[in-house]
């Protein structure tokens, strides 16, 4: 089946008016609307305002009663808070939106940014690792970040304790991006508040979360996909066998990024994750020279390489690195004079809808399944299945995961 990718080929046109920005924010902040559903609704309805108007009926069809989209005053209050904090909204399709991130699955439709946003157009390398890092690990992170910065690379990390903090400190003067799981105006942990302010001089704090949000555990995996998506490559300095750094490494592999790791002593639990990555094929890092040598600058074009790698992985594992949502971009453009209108989506009667919902739920379980594989298993047209998936997601009966994966909600 031919797979469409939403942001990689035809990103939606960014909002140009205040009303458009409010509509984008309202749609994204509406209950059970994540990036995948946002792009699908934009594709189906042409713009955020029309998608918002259709949401209650979509939810009603899915069986959700009393569904209401995010109220205008909530989005307007967030925009006012952002202005007060000095944050700027960057939407996909905007020239300031990081080009590498725009290519990944489930790219954030919009993010808040504080600081010098010009660094978002420069080549980036992500450094992540343990919060309870060893002295050697911290020294290595500082050395890598400092040398990479001198070589012209922006260092991306998550502003957490340990390795993240060391990487940001070493790259303050050359450019660093701190991706937050909190609102962009909330520095977490609080002990990094001063560092968070210092980053703004030559770097950026970035977040897809609402202004003022205090992070919870569920926000960090979502944050991690942005860290890896911004960068050409991800370097793991220290990581336990089960850690957020390995979640970031998996996200990087799904996005077609190079993963590199610093080896450690087998008896040190903080090195177990890095040693596992190297065993499984990650590039071993001894110095910044190893990182620079591994960067895909000589591979042309970088974006096409990522797509090819993702396609090869799809064929082997049936896990797509792109969401199969239709591209919403052209739906936001005015049709050329004389162009016939697009056909209206198929209307299903209640019996057909209930049958399709039941068939989808019967095919899904707690383990994520690729959306295109589900469509093949159902032997149904993608144009019929896609709206049903949106309805079930809004009703809370299915969950979307990065990489175009679906599971049945608990």
Protein backbone atom coordinates (compact mmCIF):
# COMPACT_ATOMS: atom_id res chain seq x y z
CA UNK A 1 0.00 0.00 0.00
CA UNK A 2 1.29 3.46 -0.84
CA UNK A 3 1.92 5.39 2.33
CA UNK A 4 1.29 9.13 2.64
CA UNK A 5 3.30 11.07 5.17
CA UNK A 6 1.87 14.14 6.75
CA UNK A 7 4.68 16.57 7.48
CA UNK A 8 7.56 15.13 5.47
CA UNK A 9 6.39 15.97 1.96
CA UNK A 10 3.65 18.57 2.24
CA UNK A 11 3.63 20.33 5.62
CA UNK A 12 0.44 22.28 6.30
CA UNK A 13 0.56 26.00 5.76
CA UNK A 14 1.18 27.67 9.12
CA UNK A 15 -1.48 29.97 10.57
CA UNK A 16 -1.14 33.55 9.42
CA UNK A 17 -3.73 35.35 11.55
CA UNK A 18 -4.45 35.50 15.26
CA UNK A 19 -7.74 33.64 14.71
CA UNK A 20 -5.87 30.87 12.87
CA UNK A 21 -3.35 30.54 15.70
CA UNK A 22 -6.13 30.29 18.26
CA UNK A 23 -7.87 27.63 16.14
CA UNK A 24 -4.67 25.57 15.76
CA UNK A 25 -4.05 25.75 19.50
CA UNK A 26 -7.69 24.91 20.35
CA UNK A 27 -7.63 21.89 18.05
CA UNK A 28 -4.37 20.56 19.48
CA UNK A 29 -5.46 21.17 23.08
CA UNK A 30 -8.83 19.46 22.58
CA UNK A 31 -9.35 16.26 24.53
CA UNK A 32 -7.80 13.16 22.90
CA UNK A 33 -6.43 15.12 19.92
CA UNK A 34 -2.71 14.44 19.54
CA UNK A 35 -0.44 15.20 16.58
CA UNK A 36 -1.69 12.29 14.44
CA UNK A 37 -5.35 13.17 14.91
CA UNK A 38 -4.55 16.86 14.38
CA UNK A 39 -3.05 16.15 10.94
CA UNK A 40 -5.87 13.80 9.99
CA UNK A 41 -8.54 16.31 10.95
CA UNK A 42 -6.73 19.06 9.04
CA UNK A 43 -6.60 16.80 5.98
CA UNK A 44 -10.27 15.90 6.19
CA UNK A 45 -11.65 19.35 6.94
CA UNK A 46 -9.17 21.72 5.32
CA UNK A 47 -8.47 24.00 8.27
CA UNK A 48 -8.48 24.03 12.06
CA UNK A 49 -11.72 26.02 12.41
CA UNK A 50 -13.72 23.53 10.34
CA UNK A 51 -12.09 20.60 12.16
CA UNK A 52 -13.13 22.11 15.49
CA UNK A 53 -16.69 22.48 14.25
CA UNK A 54 -16.74 18.81 13.19
CA UNK A 55 -15.22 17.40 16.41
CA UNK A 56 -18.44 17.10 18.47
CA UNK A 57 -20.18 15.16 15.69
CA UNK A 58 -17.15 12.90 15.21
CA UNK A 59 -17.10 12.19 18.93
CA UNK A 60 -20.87 11.61 19.00
CA UNK A 61 -20.56 9.12 16.14
CA UNK A 62 -17.87 7.34 18.17
CA UNK A 63 -20.22 7.11 21.16
CA UNK A 64 -18.71 9.88 23.29
CA UNK A 65 -21.43 12.04 24.83
CA UNK A 66 -21.03 15.69 25.70
CA UNK A 67 -17.72 16.14 23.89
CA UNK A 68 -16.66 19.76 23.53
CA UNK A 69 -13.45 21.07 21.93
CA UNK A 70 -11.01 23.25 23.83
CA UNK A 71 -12.79 26.57 24.54
CA UNK A 72 -11.46 29.70 22.79
CA UNK A 73 -10.73 31.43 26.09
CA UNK A 74 -8.38 28.61 27.16
CA UNK A 75 -6.29 28.94 24.00
CA UNK A 76 -6.36 32.74 24.20
CA UNK A 77 -5.17 32.61 27.82
CA UNK A 78 -2.27 30.37 26.81
CA UNK A 79 -1.25 32.78 24.06
CA UNK A 80 -1.38 35.70 26.51
CA UNK A 81 0.75 33.76 28.99
CA UNK A 82 3.26 32.96 26.24
CA UNK A 83 3.58 36.61 25.28
CA UNK A 84 4.11 37.56 28.91
CA UNK A 85 6.91 34.99 29.17
CA UNK A 86 8.50 36.05 25.88
CA UNK A 87 7.69 32.76 24.13
CA UNK A 88 6.97 32.46 20.43
CA UNK A 89 4.63 29.96 18.78
CA UNK A 90 6.39 28.02 15.99
CA UNK A 91 4.06 25.99 13.79
CA UNK A 92 4.99 23.26 11.32
CA UNK A 93 5.42 24.87 7.93
CA UNK A 94 6.81 28.06 9.52
CA UNK A 95 10.32 28.94 8.25
CA UNK A 96 11.54 28.86 11.85
CA UNK A 97 10.31 25.29 12.42
CA UNK A 98 13.32 22.91 12.65
CA UNK A 99 13.53 21.19 9.23
CA UNK A 100 14.79 17.85 10.59
CA UNK A 101 11.95 17.63 13.11
CA UNK A 102 9.37 18.36 10.41
CA UNK A 103 10.33 15.08 8.73
CA UNK A 104 9.62 12.74 11.63
CA UNK A 105 6.47 10.84 12.46
CA UNK A 106 4.09 12.70 14.74
CA UNK A 107 6.05 15.95 14.54
CA UNK A 108 4.50 18.50 16.93
CA UNK A 109 2.10 20.71 14.95
CA UNK A 110 3.22 23.64 17.09
CA UNK A 111 5.79 24.37 19.78
CA UNK A 112 6.58 27.25 22.10
CA UNK A 113 10.14 28.61 21.90
CA UNK A 114 12.07 31.02 24.10
CA UNK A 115 15.50 32.40 23.25
CA UNK A 116 17.48 32.72 20.03
CA UNK A 117 15.41 30.71 17.55
CA UNK A 118 18.04 31.11 14.82
CA UNK A 119 19.87 28.11 16.32
CA UNK A 120 16.96 25.87 15.20
CA UNK A 121 18.17 26.13 11.60
CA UNK A 122 21.69 24.90 12.41
CA UNK A 123 22.89 21.26 12.42
CA UNK A 124 22.25 19.59 15.76
CA UNK A 125 23.54 16.64 17.78
CA UNK A 126 21.63 15.30 20.78
CA UNK A 127 23.42 14.24 23.99
CA UNK A 128 21.49 12.35 26.66
CA UNK A 129 22.31 10.15 29.61
CA UNK A 130 21.88 9.29 33.26
CA UNK A 131 20.61 11.71 35.86
CA UNK A 132 22.84 10.10 38.51
CA UNK A 133 25.87 10.30 36.24
CA UNK A 134 29.36 9.37 37.34
CA UNK A 135 32.21 11.88 37.42
CA UNK A 136 33.72 10.29 34.32
CA UNK A 137 30.35 10.44 32.56
CA UNK A 138 29.97 14.14 33.35
CA UNK A 139 33.51 14.85 32.14
CA UNK A 140 32.79 12.99 28.91
CA UNK A 141 29.52 14.88 28.34
CA UNK A 142 31.25 18.23 28.85
CA UNK A 143 34.08 17.29 26.52
CA UNK A 144 31.75 16.06 23.78
CA UNK A 145 29.39 19.04 24.00
CA UNK A 146 32.23 21.56 24.07
CA UNK A 147 34.02 20.10 21.05
CA UNK A 148 30.80 19.64 19.06
CA UNK A 149 29.89 23.26 19.75
CA UNK A 150 33.32 24.44 18.59
CA UNK A 151 32.79 22.42 15.40
CA UNK A 152 29.58 24.35 14.68
CA UNK A 153 26.96 21.92 15.98
CA UNK A 154 24.10 22.87 18.28
CA UNK A 155 23.83 20.50 21.27
CA UNK A 156 20.32 19.27 22.10
CA UNK A 157 19.33 17.75 25.43
CA UNK A 158 16.52 17.67 27.98
CA UNK A 159 17.73 19.95 30.80
CA UNK A 160 17.54 17.06 33.28
CA UNK A 161 20.07 16.48 36.04
CA UNK A 162 23.37 14.77 35.26
CA UNK A 163 24.45 14.32 31.65
CA UNK A 164 21.86 16.75 30.22
CA UNK A 165 22.99 19.52 32.56
CA UNK A 166 26.68 18.92 31.76
CA UNK A 167 25.97 19.03 28.00
CA UNK A 168 24.02 22.30 28.22
CA UNK A 169 26.63 23.94 30.41
CA UNK A 170 29.43 23.10 27.98
CA UNK A 171 27.45 24.38 24.97
CA UNK A 172 25.98 27.58 26.44
CA UNK A 173 28.25 29.85 24.44
CA UNK A 174 28.09 27.97 21.12
CA UNK A 175 24.38 27.16 21.05
CA UNK A 176 22.18 24.62 22.80
CA UNK A 177 18.52 23.57 22.70
CA UNK A 178 16.76 22.42 25.86
CA UNK A 179 13.62 20.42 25.10
CA UNK A 180 11.27 20.46 28.08
CA UNK A 181 8.56 18.05 29.19
CA UNK A 182 7.02 20.99 31.05
CA UNK A 183 5.70 24.24 29.69
CA UNK A 184 8.47 26.27 28.13
CA UNK A 185 8.13 28.77 30.98
CA UNK A 186 8.59 26.10 33.68
CA UNK A 187 12.17 24.90 34.21
CA UNK A 188 12.31 21.39 35.66
CA UNK A 189 14.12 20.49 37.84
CA UNK A 190 14.01 23.80 39.69
CA UNK A 191 17.74 23.59 40.45
CA UNK A 192 18.37 24.25 36.74
CA UNK A 193 16.41 27.52 36.72
CA UNK A 194 19.56 29.63 36.37
CA UNK A 195 20.92 27.40 33.60
CA UNK A 196 17.56 27.56 31.86
CA UNK A 197 17.80 31.36 31.81
CA UNK A 198 21.43 31.33 30.65
CA UNK A 199 20.53 29.09 27.70
CA UNK A 200 18.32 31.84 26.26
CA UNK A 201 21.31 34.03 25.34
CA UNK A 202 22.67 31.70 22.65
CA UNK A 203 20.11 28.94 22.55
CA UNK A 204 16.48 27.94 22.91
CA UNK A 205 14.10 26.39 25.38
CA UNK A 206 11.51 24.44 23.44
CA UNK A 207 8.29 22.63 24.39
CA UNK A 208 5.08 21.33 22.82
CA UNK A 209 3.30 21.40 26.18
CA UNK A 210 0.90 24.12 27.38
CA UNK A 211 2.34 27.15 29.10
CA UNK A 212 2.65 26.72 32.86
CA UNK A 213 2.44 22.93 32.79
CA UNK A 214 4.39 21.06 35.48
CA UNK A 215 5.66 17.81 33.92
CA UNK A 216 4.36 14.35 34.77
CA UNK A 217 6.00 11.02 33.95
CA UNK A 218 3.88 10.51 30.82
CA UNK A 219 5.20 13.73 29.26
CA UNK A 220 8.85 12.62 29.08
CA UNK A 221 8.64 9.94 26.33
CA UNK A 222 6.84 12.47 24.16
CA UNK A 223 9.58 15.02 24.91
CA UNK A 224 12.26 12.47 24.03
CA UNK A 225 11.01 12.02 20.45
CA UNK A 226 11.56 15.76 19.92
CA UNK A 227 15.12 15.60 21.25
CA UNK A 228 16.04 12.86 18.78
CA UNK A 229 13.96 14.36 15.97
CA UNK A 230 15.80 17.68 16.09
CA UNK A 231 19.23 16.09 15.74
CA UNK A 232 21.29 14.46 13.01
CA UNK A 233 22.52 11.92 15.54
CA UNK A 234 21.98 10.92 19.15
CA UNK A 235 24.85 10.24 21.57
CA UNK A 236 24.12 8.32 24.77
CA UNK A 237 26.81 8.96 27.39
CA UNK A 238 25.57 6.91 30.36
CA UNK A 239 22.31 4.98 30.64
CA UNK A 240 20.93 2.12 32.69
CA UNK A 241 19.45 -0.92 30.97
CA UNK A 242 15.98 0.53 31.56
CA UNK A 243 16.06 4.28 31.24
CA UNK A 244 14.58 7.28 29.46
CA UNK A 245 17.80 7.56 27.46
CA UNK A 246 17.12 4.19 25.83
CA UNK A 247 13.57 5.34 25.03
CA UNK A 248 15.16 8.30 23.25
CA UNK A 249 17.54 5.93 21.44
CA UNK A 250 14.61 3.83 20.22
CA UNK A 251 12.86 6.98 19.01
CA UNK A 252 16.03 8.00 17.17
CA UNK A 253 16.22 4.64 15.40
CA UNK A 254 12.56 4.89 14.39
CA UNK A 255 13.29 8.32 12.96
CA UNK A 256 16.27 7.09 10.95
CA UNK A 257 18.84 8.90 13.09
CA UNK A 258 22.31 7.58 13.85
CA UNK A 259 22.72 6.34 17.43
CA UNK A 260 26.11 6.47 19.12
CA UNK A 261 27.13 5.45 22.64
CA UNK A 262 30.02 5.87 25.04
CA UNK A 263 31.12 2.48 26.45
CA UNK A 264 31.48 1.88 30.16
CA UNK A 265 32.68 -0.68 32.66
CA UNK A 266 30.55 -3.87 32.69
CA UNK A 267 30.20 -3.66 36.48
CA UNK A 268 28.73 -0.13 36.34
CA UNK A 269 24.92 -0.28 36.00
CA UNK A 270 24.97 3.23 34.53
CA UNK A 271 26.88 1.86 31.53
CA UNK A 272 24.63 -1.14 30.89
CA UNK A 273 22.37 0.66 28.44
CA UNK A 274 25.27 2.10 26.44
CA UNK A 275 27.01 -1.26 26.27
CA UNK A 276 23.77 -2.86 25.06
CA UNK A 277 23.42 -0.22 22.33
CA UNK A 278 26.99 -0.83 21.15
CA UNK A 279 26.42 -4.60 21.18
CA UNK A 280 23.35 -4.04 19.00
CA UNK A 281 25.18 -1.90 16.44
CA UNK A 282 25.46 1.63 17.82
CA UNK A 283 28.68 3.47 16.94
CA UNK A 284 31.23 3.44 19.76
CA UNK A 285 32.29 6.94 20.86
CA UNK A 286 35.73 7.72 22.28
CA UNK A 287 35.76 11.45 21.51
CA UNK A 288 33.92 14.17 19.62
CA UNK A 289 35.93 13.21 16.53
CA UNK A 290 34.08 9.88 16.43
CA UNK A 291 30.75 11.72 16.54
CA UNK A 292 31.67 14.19 13.82
CA UNK A 293 32.98 11.40 11.61
CA UNK A 294 29.68 9.53 11.95
CA UNK A 295 27.44 12.50 11.15
CA UNK A 296 25.53 12.22 7.86
CA UNK A 297 26.87 15.48 6.39
CA UNK A 298 28.53 13.60 3.51
CA UNK A 299 25.40 11.61 2.77
CA UNK A 300 23.15 13.35 0.26
CA UNK A 301 20.39 14.18 0.65
CA UNK A 302 20.04 13.62 4.42
CA UNK A 303 16.23 13.67 4.38
CA UNK A 304 16.04 11.08 1.61
CA UNK A 305 18.45 8.88 3.51
CA UNK A 306 16.17 8.91 6.54
CA UNK A 307 13.19 7.98 4.39
CA UNK A 308 15.08 5.11 2.77
CA UNK A 309 16.23 3.78 6.12
CA UNK A 310 12.69 3.98 7.44
CA UNK A 311 11.35 2.14 4.40
CA UNK A 312 13.88 -0.64 4.85
CA UNK A 313 12.92 -0.96 8.50
CA UNK A 314 9.23 -1.10 7.54
CA UNK A 315 9.87 -4.03 5.22
CA UNK A 316 11.75 -5.96 7.90
CA UNK A 317 9.70 -5.19 11.00
CA UNK A 318 6.35 -3.90 9.73
CA UNK A 319 6.77 -0.93 12.06
CA UNK A 320 6.52 2.29 10.01
CA UNK A 321 8.64 5.29 10.85
CA UNK A 322 5.96 7.57 9.49
CA UNK A 323 2.32 8.01 10.37
CA UNK A 324 0.08 6.90 7.51
CA UNK A 325 -2.17 9.92 7.95
CA UNK A 326 -3.07 11.77 4.73
CA UNK A 327 -1.00 14.92 4.12
CA UNK A 328 -2.96 17.88 5.43
CA UNK A 329 -0.94 20.56 3.66
CA UNK A 330 -2.75 20.93 0.40
CA UNK A 331 -6.12 20.84 2.06
CA UNK A 332 -5.32 24.26 3.50
CA UNK A 333 -4.58 25.79 0.10
CA UNK A 334 -7.28 27.41 -1.97
CA UNK A 335 -8.08 25.28 -5.05
CA UNK A 336 -7.13 26.67 -8.44
CA UNK A 337 -9.99 28.23 -10.45
CA UNK A 338 -11.94 25.58 -12.29
CA UNK A 339 -10.68 22.77 -10.06
CA UNK A 340 -13.54 20.39 -9.24
CA UNK A 341 -14.25 20.12 -5.49
CA UNK A 342 -12.88 17.10 -3.65
CA UNK A 343 -15.45 14.35 -3.16
CA UNK A 344 -17.16 14.31 0.22
CA UNK A 345 -16.04 11.54 2.56
CA UNK A 346 -18.11 8.36 2.51
CA UNK A 347 -21.03 8.40 4.92
CA UNK A 348 -21.53 5.27 6.97
CA UNK A 349 -24.82 4.37 8.52
CA UNK A 350 -24.84 3.57 12.27
CA UNK A 351 -24.83 -0.19 11.68
CA UNK A 352 -21.80 0.00 9.36
CA UNK A 353 -20.03 2.31 11.82
CA UNK A 354 -20.63 -0.04 14.76
CA UNK A 355 -19.42 -3.03 12.73
CA UNK A 356 -16.25 -1.25 11.62
CA UNK A 357 -15.51 -0.08 15.16
CA UNK A 358 -15.97 -3.63 16.47
CA UNK A 359 -13.72 -5.08 13.77
CA UNK A 360 -10.98 -2.53 14.53
CA UNK A 361 -11.13 -3.16 18.28
CA UNK A 362 -11.08 -6.93 17.74
CA UNK A 363 -7.88 -6.59 15.71
CA UNK A 364 -6.12 -4.41 18.28
CA UNK A 365 -4.68 -5.39 21.64
CA UNK A 366 -2.33 -3.85 24.22
CA UNK A 367 0.71 -4.39 21.95
CA UNK A 368 0.97 -1.61 19.35
CA UNK A 369 0.21 -2.51 15.73
CA UNK A 370 1.15 -0.55 12.60
CA UNK A 371 -1.81 1.35 11.15
CA UNK A 372 -1.14 0.20 7.60
CA UNK A 373 -0.97 -3.41 8.81
CA UNK A 374 -4.35 -2.97 10.52
CA UNK A 375 -5.85 -1.63 7.29
CA UNK A 376 -4.49 -4.61 5.37
CA UNK A 377 -5.87 -7.02 7.97
CA UNK A 378 -9.29 -5.40 7.74
CA UNK A 379 -9.21 -5.53 3.92
CA UNK A 380 -10.98 -2.17 3.95
CA UNK A 381 -10.21 1.09 2.11
CA UNK A 382 -7.90 3.42 4.02
CA UNK A 383 -10.34 6.27 3.43
CA UNK A 384 -12.99 4.30 5.34
CA UNK A 385 -10.77 3.13 8.19
CA UNK A 386 -9.05 6.48 8.85
CA UNK A 387 -12.17 8.37 10.06
CA UNK A 388 -13.18 5.39 12.21
CA UNK A 389 -9.75 5.44 13.89
CA UNK A 390 -10.19 9.14 14.64
CA UNK A 391 -13.62 8.45 16.15
CA UNK A 392 -12.27 5.64 18.34
CA UNK A 393 -9.34 7.75 19.47
CA UNK A 394 -11.62 10.62 20.45
CA UNK A 395 -13.77 8.14 22.35
CA UNK A 396 -10.67 6.94 24.24
CA UNK A 397 -10.93 3.35 23.00
CA UNK A 398 -7.65 3.31 21.03
CA UNK A 399 -4.29 4.94 21.67
CA UNK A 400 -1.87 6.27 19.07
CA UNK A 401 1.87 5.82 19.53
CA UNK A 402 4.82 7.42 17.70
CA UNK A 403 5.66 5.81 14.38
CA UNK A 404 2.08 5.28 13.22
CA UNK A 405 1.32 2.56 15.79
CA UNK A 406 -2.06 1.84 17.40
CA UNK A 407 -3.16 -0.12 20.44
CA UNK A 408 -6.42 -0.80 22.22
CA UNK A 409 -6.81 1.35 25.32
CA UNK A 410 -6.95 -0.40 28.65
